[in-house]
Amino acid sequence: MNRFLILLGVLCLLAGLGWRWFVRIPFGRLPGDIHIVRGGINFHFPIVTCIVISVVVSVLLWLLRR
């Protein structure tokens, strides 16, 4: 558990340092994400982005357990 928390902290630190480049990644605007604009109301549901992030996190956790 300690190793996992340290790794999570390092990943958060790297994400903070690399935020300038991470903003350019089109997550949240992938094809298949639902975005509806009607009369001043914006509704955005990034379903494909959630699926991609879930798969990546699952693979990373699977690799860390091996």
C-alpha atoms as a PDB file:
ATOM      1  CA  MET A   1       0.000   0.000   0.000  1.00  0.00           C
ATOM      2  CA  ASN A   2       2.858   2.382   0.784  1.00  0.00           C
ATOM      3  CA  ARG A   3       4.406   1.805  -2.631  1.00  0.00           C
ATOM      4  CA  PHE A   4       1.057   2.470  -4.312  1.00  0.00           C
ATOM      5  CA  LEU A   5       0.585   5.773  -2.451  1.00  0.00           C
ATOM      6  CA  ILE A   6       4.110   6.903  -3.301  1.00  0.00           C
ATOM      7  CA  LEU A   7       3.554   6.015  -6.960  1.00  0.00           C
ATOM      8  CA  LEU A   8       0.234   7.869  -6.942  1.00  0.00           C
ATOM      9  CA  GLY A   9       1.922  10.939  -5.449  1.00  0.00           C
ATOM     10  CA  VAL A  10       4.695  10.861  -8.045  1.00  0.00           C
ATOM     11  CA  LEU A  11       2.125  10.534 -10.845  1.00  0.00           C
ATOM     12  CA  CYS A  12       0.200  13.524  -9.484  1.00  0.00           C
ATOM     13  CA  LEU A  13       3.416  15.527  -9.293  1.00  0.00           C
ATOM     14  CA  LEU A  14       4.332  14.624 -12.878  1.00  0.00           C
ATOM     15  CA  ALA A  15       0.828  15.462 -14.070  1.00  0.00           C
ATOM     16  CA  GLY A  16       1.076  18.860 -12.388  1.00  0.00           C
ATOM     17  CA  LEU A  17       4.446  19.566 -13.949  1.00  0.00           C
ATOM     18  CA  GLY A  18       3.319  18.430 -17.383  1.00  0.00           C
ATOM     19  CA  TRP A  19      -0.071  20.151 -17.304  1.00  0.00           C
ATOM     20  CA  ARG A  20       0.892  22.428 -20.216  1.00  0.00           C
ATOM     21  CA  TRP A  21       1.243  19.392 -22.486  1.00  0.00           C
ATOM     22  CA  PHE A  22      -1.605  17.363 -20.965  1.00  0.00           C
ATOM     23  CA  VAL A  23      -4.097  20.132 -21.825  1.00  0.00           C
ATOM     24  CA  ARG A  24      -3.423  19.494 -25.519  1.00  0.00           C
ATOM     25  CA  ILE A  25      -4.558  15.849 -25.258  1.00  0.00           C
ATOM     26  CA  PRO A  26      -8.114  15.741 -26.603  1.00  0.00           C
ATOM     27  CA  PHE A  27      -9.631  13.881 -23.615  1.00  0.00           C
ATOM     28  CA  GLY A  28     -13.131  15.127 -22.979  1.00  0.00           C
ATOM     29  CA  ARG A  29     -13.575  15.880 -26.668  1.00  0.00           C
ATOM     30  CA  LEU A  30     -13.272  12.393 -28.150  1.00  0.00           C
ATOM     31  CA  PRO A  31     -15.636  11.143 -30.864  1.00  0.00           C
ATOM     32  CA  GLY A  32     -18.591   9.533 -29.120  1.00  0.00           C
ATOM     33  CA  ASP A  33     -18.697  12.000 -26.240  1.00  0.00           C
ATOM     34  CA  ILE A  34     -22.142  13.517 -25.879  1.00  0.00           C
ATOM     35  CA  HIS A  35     -22.353  17.304 -26.126  1.00  0.00           C
ATOM     36  CA  ILE A  36     -25.735  19.014 -26.426  1.00  0.00           C
ATOM     37  CA  VAL A  37     -26.233  22.782 -26.668  1.00  0.00           C
ATOM     38  CA  ARG A  38     -29.807  24.069 -26.601  1.00  0.00           C
ATOM     39  CA  GLY A  39     -30.961  27.547 -25.746  1.00  0.00           C
ATOM     40  CA  GLY A  40     -28.197  28.542 -23.350  1.00  0.00           C
ATOM     41  CA  ILE A  41     -27.927  25.130 -21.678  1.00  0.00           C
ATOM     42  CA  ASN A  42     -24.804  23.062 -22.255  1.00  0.00           C
ATOM     43  CA  PHE A  43     -24.781  19.365 -21.424  1.00  0.00           C
ATOM     44  CA  HIS A  44     -21.534  17.442 -21.809  1.00  0.00           C
ATOM     45  CA  PHE A  45     -21.165  13.755 -20.944  1.00  0.00           C
ATOM     46  CA  PRO A  46     -17.726  12.361 -21.873  1.00  0.00           C
ATOM     47  CA  ILE A  47     -18.727   8.681 -22.024  1.00  0.00           C
ATOM     48  CA  VAL A  48     -15.964   7.563 -24.427  1.00  0.00           C
ATOM     49  CA  THR A  49     -13.365   9.470 -22.413  1.00  0.00           C
ATOM     50  CA  CYS A  50     -14.543   7.688 -19.247  1.00  0.00           C
ATOM     51  CA  ILE A  51     -14.273   4.309 -20.975  1.00  0.00           C
ATOM     52  CA  VAL A  52     -10.752   5.047 -22.259  1.00  0.00           C
ATOM     53  CA  ILE A  53      -9.560   6.237 -18.845  1.00  0.00           C
ATOM     54  CA  SER A  54     -11.124   3.184 -17.186  1.00  0.00           C
ATOM     55  CA  VAL A  55      -9.350   0.804 -19.565  1.00  0.00           C
ATOM     56  CA  VAL A  56      -5.987   2.557 -19.097  1.00  0.00           C
ATOM     57  CA  VAL A  57      -6.272   2.543 -15.295  1.00  0.00           C
ATOM     58  CA  SER A  58      -7.345  -1.128 -15.315  1.00  0.00           C
ATOM     59  CA  VAL A  59      -4.357  -2.122 -17.455  1.00  0.00           C
ATOM     60  CA  LEU A  60      -1.960  -0.130 -15.262  1.00  0.00           C
ATOM     61  CA  LEU A  61      -3.300  -1.710 -12.077  1.00  0.00           C
ATOM     62  CA  TRP A  62      -3.144  -5.156 -13.684  1.00  0.00           C
ATOM     63  CA  LEU A  63       0.505  -4.567 -14.647  1.00  0.00           C
ATOM     64  CA  LEU A  64       1.377  -3.326 -11.148  1.00  0.00           C
ATOM     65  CA  ARG A  65      -0.099  -6.466  -9.556  1.00  0.00           C
ATOM     66  CA  ARG A  66       2.026  -8.805 -11.692  1.00  0.00           C
END
